[in-house]
């Protein structure tokens, strides 16, 4: 929101498909590398009260990849992992870190929604 008289809106609908592989070779492996590769399509519509409207719906097509890893917390705290399994049915818990990048398939087309991100999280296996 720019001010009371100016409003800009960007609506996006992303669609992604990718292959992801976890290099998880044995039970409670302390560190599990992760890689993924795929494509994306994002439908974009921009409206603005300042006259910066972009008519119609545009399409961003990109390819994406990510690399990262996860640390198995079951190896760090075996007693806590056993309790977590009994109470909630969670078999494994991981801390996850991942670098992700999206690049346009066609560099000369607008819009360009390319991005880089670093993500952190927790993953539960039931």
C-alpha atoms as a PDB file:
ATOM      1  CA  UNK A   1       0.000   0.000   0.000  1.00  0.00           C
ATOM      2  CA  UNK A   2       1.573   3.254  -1.142  1.00  0.00           C
ATOM      3  CA  UNK A   3      -0.804   5.708   0.563  1.00  0.00           C
ATOM      4  CA  UNK A   4      -4.562   6.078   1.019  1.00  0.00           C
ATOM      5  CA  UNK A   5      -5.171   6.894  -2.668  1.00  0.00           C
ATOM      6  CA  UNK A   6      -2.635   4.521  -4.243  1.00  0.00           C
ATOM      7  CA  UNK A   7      -2.920   0.749  -4.162  1.00  0.00           C
ATOM      8  CA  UNK A   8      -0.932  -1.873  -6.051  1.00  0.00           C
ATOM      9  CA  UNK A   9      -1.843  -5.558  -6.101  1.00  0.00           C
ATOM     10  CA  UNK A  10       0.167  -8.470  -7.446  1.00  0.00           C
ATOM     11  CA  UNK A  11      -1.649 -11.807  -7.622  1.00  0.00           C
ATOM     12  CA  UNK A  12       0.421 -14.921  -8.338  1.00  0.00           C
ATOM     13  CA  UNK A  13      -0.558 -18.571  -8.689  1.00  0.00           C
ATOM     14  CA  UNK A  14       2.567 -20.772  -8.668  1.00  0.00           C
ATOM     15  CA  UNK A  15       2.660 -24.366  -9.936  1.00  0.00           C
ATOM     16  CA  UNK A  16       5.791 -26.459  -9.374  1.00  0.00           C
ATOM     17  CA  UNK A  17       6.860 -29.954 -10.300  1.00  0.00           C
ATOM     18  CA  UNK A  18      10.201 -31.397  -9.356  1.00  0.00           C
ATOM     19  CA  UNK A  19      12.186 -34.491  -8.516  1.00  0.00           C
ATOM     20  CA  UNK A  20      13.710 -34.592  -5.047  1.00  0.00           C
ATOM     21  CA  UNK A  21      16.199 -37.106  -3.662  1.00  0.00           C
ATOM     22  CA  UNK A  22      17.206 -37.641  -0.050  1.00  0.00           C
ATOM     23  CA  UNK A  23      20.543 -39.481   0.247  1.00  0.00           C
ATOM     24  CA  UNK A  24      19.174 -41.461   3.204  1.00  0.00           C
ATOM     25  CA  UNK A  25      20.980 -44.817   3.155  1.00  0.00           C
ATOM     26  CA  UNK A  26      20.504 -46.216   6.660  1.00  0.00           C
ATOM     27  CA  UNK A  27      18.232 -45.746   9.672  1.00  0.00           C
ATOM     28  CA  UNK A  28      18.946 -42.656  11.814  1.00  0.00           C
ATOM     29  CA  UNK A  29      21.681 -41.419   9.453  1.00  0.00           C
ATOM     30  CA  UNK A  30      23.077 -38.318  11.226  1.00  0.00           C
ATOM     31  CA  UNK A  31      23.345 -36.119   8.075  1.00  0.00           C
ATOM     32  CA  UNK A  32      21.196 -36.601   4.956  1.00  0.00           C
ATOM     33  CA  UNK A  33      22.047 -34.538   1.839  1.00  0.00           C
ATOM     34  CA  UNK A  34      19.106 -33.410  -0.340  1.00  0.00           C
ATOM     35  CA  UNK A  35      18.950 -32.287  -3.997  1.00  0.00           C
ATOM     36  CA  UNK A  36      16.025 -31.371  -6.235  1.00  0.00           C
ATOM     37  CA  UNK A  37      15.482 -30.260  -9.820  1.00  0.00           C
ATOM     38  CA  UNK A  38      12.281 -29.156 -11.508  1.00  0.00           C
ATOM     39  CA  UNK A  39      10.213 -26.609 -13.382  1.00  0.00           C
ATOM     40  CA  UNK A  40       7.676 -23.991 -12.384  1.00  0.00           C
ATOM     41  CA  UNK A  41       4.943 -21.931 -13.944  1.00  0.00           C
ATOM     42  CA  UNK A  42       3.530 -18.866 -12.216  1.00  0.00           C
ATOM     43  CA  UNK A  43       0.488 -16.977 -13.431  1.00  0.00           C
ATOM     44  CA  UNK A  44       0.799 -13.259 -12.652  1.00  0.00           C
ATOM     45  CA  UNK A  45      -1.737 -10.435 -12.667  1.00  0.00           C
ATOM     46  CA  UNK A  46      -0.861  -6.866 -11.633  1.00  0.00           C
ATOM     47  CA  UNK A  47      -3.355  -4.123 -10.861  1.00  0.00           C
ATOM     48  CA  UNK A  48      -2.581  -0.632  -9.669  1.00  0.00           C
ATOM     49  CA  UNK A  49      -4.470   2.562  -8.929  1.00  0.00           C
ATOM     50  CA  UNK A  50      -1.398   4.548 -10.042  1.00  0.00           C
ATOM     51  CA  UNK A  51      -1.790   3.594 -13.709  1.00  0.00           C
ATOM     52  CA  UNK A  52       0.867   0.863 -13.570  1.00  0.00           C
ATOM     53  CA  UNK A  53      -1.604  -1.884 -14.492  1.00  0.00           C
ATOM     54  CA  UNK A  54      -0.320  -4.685 -16.676  1.00  0.00           C
ATOM     55  CA  UNK A  55      -3.250  -5.877 -18.760  1.00  0.00           C
ATOM     56  CA  UNK A  56      -4.165  -9.553 -18.817  1.00  0.00           C
ATOM     57  CA  UNK A  57      -2.524 -12.484 -17.099  1.00  0.00           C
ATOM     58  CA  UNK A  58       1.161 -13.124 -17.691  1.00  0.00           C
ATOM     59  CA  UNK A  59       3.079 -16.371 -17.340  1.00  0.00           C
ATOM     60  CA  UNK A  60       6.514 -16.888 -15.794  1.00  0.00           C
ATOM     61  CA  UNK A  61       8.165 -20.197 -16.636  1.00  0.00           C
ATOM     62  CA  UNK A  62      11.301 -21.215 -14.823  1.00  0.00           C
ATOM     63  CA  UNK A  63      13.512 -24.079 -13.822  1.00  0.00           C
ATOM     64  CA  UNK A  64      14.508 -24.622 -10.232  1.00  0.00           C
ATOM     65  CA  UNK A  65      17.092 -26.475  -8.268  1.00  0.00           C
ATOM     66  CA  UNK A  66      17.940 -26.843  -4.614  1.00  0.00           C
ATOM     67  CA  UNK A  67      20.672 -28.331  -2.464  1.00  0.00           C
ATOM     68  CA  UNK A  68      20.645 -28.833   1.249  1.00  0.00           C
ATOM     69  CA  UNK A  69      20.742 -31.247   4.078  1.00  0.00           C
ATOM     70  CA  UNK A  70      19.025 -32.417   7.191  1.00  0.00           C
ATOM     71  CA  UNK A  71      20.302 -33.491  10.591  1.00  0.00           C
ATOM     72  CA  UNK A  72      18.558 -36.416  12.257  1.00  0.00           C
ATOM     73  CA  UNK A  73      17.683 -35.363  15.812  1.00  0.00           C
ATOM     74  CA  UNK A  74      16.987 -38.979  16.778  1.00  0.00           C
ATOM     75  CA  UNK A  75      20.772 -39.493  16.897  1.00  0.00           C
ATOM     76  CA  UNK A  76      21.267 -36.387  19.035  1.00  0.00           C
ATOM     77  CA  UNK A  77      18.606 -37.217  21.658  1.00  0.00           C
ATOM     78  CA  UNK A  78      17.680 -40.906  21.582  1.00  0.00           C
ATOM     79  CA  UNK A  79      15.556 -40.756  24.764  1.00  0.00           C
ATOM     80  CA  UNK A  80      13.552 -37.766  23.498  1.00  0.00           C
ATOM     81  CA  UNK A  81      13.078 -39.472  20.115  1.00  0.00           C
ATOM     82  CA  UNK A  82      11.698 -42.586  21.804  1.00  0.00           C
ATOM     83  CA  UNK A  83       9.237 -40.491  23.851  1.00  0.00           C
ATOM     84  CA  UNK A  84       8.209 -38.512  20.755  1.00  0.00           C
ATOM     85  CA  UNK A  85       7.488 -41.771  18.919  1.00  0.00           C
ATOM     86  CA  UNK A  86       5.395 -43.179  21.784  1.00  0.00           C
ATOM     87  CA  UNK A  87       3.415 -39.977  22.440  1.00  0.00           C
ATOM     88  CA  UNK A  88       2.831 -38.648  18.909  1.00  0.00           C
ATOM     89  CA  UNK A  89       3.783 -41.457  16.532  1.00  0.00           C
ATOM     90  CA  UNK A  90       6.661 -39.460  14.994  1.00  0.00           C
ATOM     91  CA  UNK A  91       9.368 -41.869  13.836  1.00  0.00           C
ATOM     92  CA  UNK A  92      12.104 -39.349  12.918  1.00  0.00           C
ATOM     93  CA  UNK A  93      12.678 -35.625  13.403  1.00  0.00           C
ATOM     94  CA  UNK A  94      15.091 -33.569  11.285  1.00  0.00           C
ATOM     95  CA  UNK A  95      16.463 -30.027  11.217  1.00  0.00           C
ATOM     96  CA  UNK A  96      16.512 -28.959   7.561  1.00  0.00           C
ATOM     97  CA  UNK A  97      18.488 -26.278   5.678  1.00  0.00           C
ATOM     98  CA  UNK A  98      18.143 -25.710   1.938  1.00  0.00           C
ATOM     99  CA  UNK A  99      19.346 -23.279  -0.738  1.00  0.00           C
ATOM    100  CA  UNK A 100      16.863 -22.882  -3.625  1.00  0.00           C
ATOM    101  CA  UNK A 101      17.142 -20.987  -6.901  1.00  0.00           C
ATOM    102  CA  UNK A 102      14.671 -20.327  -9.711  1.00  0.00           C
ATOM    103  CA  UNK A 103      15.754 -19.035 -13.108  1.00  0.00           C
ATOM    104  CA  UNK A 104      13.595 -18.144 -16.131  1.00  0.00           C
ATOM    105  CA  UNK A 105      13.371 -20.646 -18.969  1.00  0.00           C
ATOM    106  CA  UNK A 106      13.035 -17.768 -21.417  1.00  0.00           C
ATOM    107  CA  UNK A 107      15.167 -14.788 -20.388  1.00  0.00           C
ATOM    108  CA  UNK A 108      13.595 -12.287 -22.797  1.00  0.00           C
ATOM    109  CA  UNK A 109      10.012 -12.683 -21.580  1.00  0.00           C
ATOM    110  CA  UNK A 110       8.349 -10.685 -18.825  1.00  0.00           C
ATOM    111  CA  UNK A 111       7.671 -11.090 -15.992  1.00  0.00           C
ATOM    112  CA  UNK A 112      10.930 -12.260 -14.477  1.00  0.00           C
ATOM    113  CA  UNK A 113      10.201 -13.851 -11.086  1.00  0.00           C
ATOM    114  CA  UNK A 114      13.634 -15.456 -10.657  1.00  0.00           C
ATOM    115  CA  UNK A 115      14.717 -15.785  -7.039  1.00  0.00           C
ATOM    116  CA  UNK A 116      17.186 -17.288  -4.608  1.00  0.00           C
ATOM    117  CA  UNK A 117      16.247 -18.339  -1.093  1.00  0.00           C
ATOM    118  CA  UNK A 118      17.624 -20.071   1.959  1.00  0.00           C
ATOM    119  CA  UNK A 119      15.107 -22.065   3.957  1.00  0.00           C
ATOM    120  CA  UNK A 120      15.310 -23.558   7.434  1.00  0.00           C
ATOM    121  CA  UNK A 121      12.782 -25.833   9.050  1.00  0.00           C
ATOM    122  CA  UNK A 122      11.854 -28.986  10.878  1.00  0.00           C
ATOM    123  CA  UNK A 123      10.666 -32.178   9.187  1.00  0.00           C
ATOM    124  CA  UNK A 124       8.735 -34.991  10.880  1.00  0.00           C
ATOM    125  CA  UNK A 125       8.417 -38.548   9.570  1.00  0.00           C
ATOM    126  CA  UNK A 126       5.331 -40.414  10.703  1.00  0.00           C
END
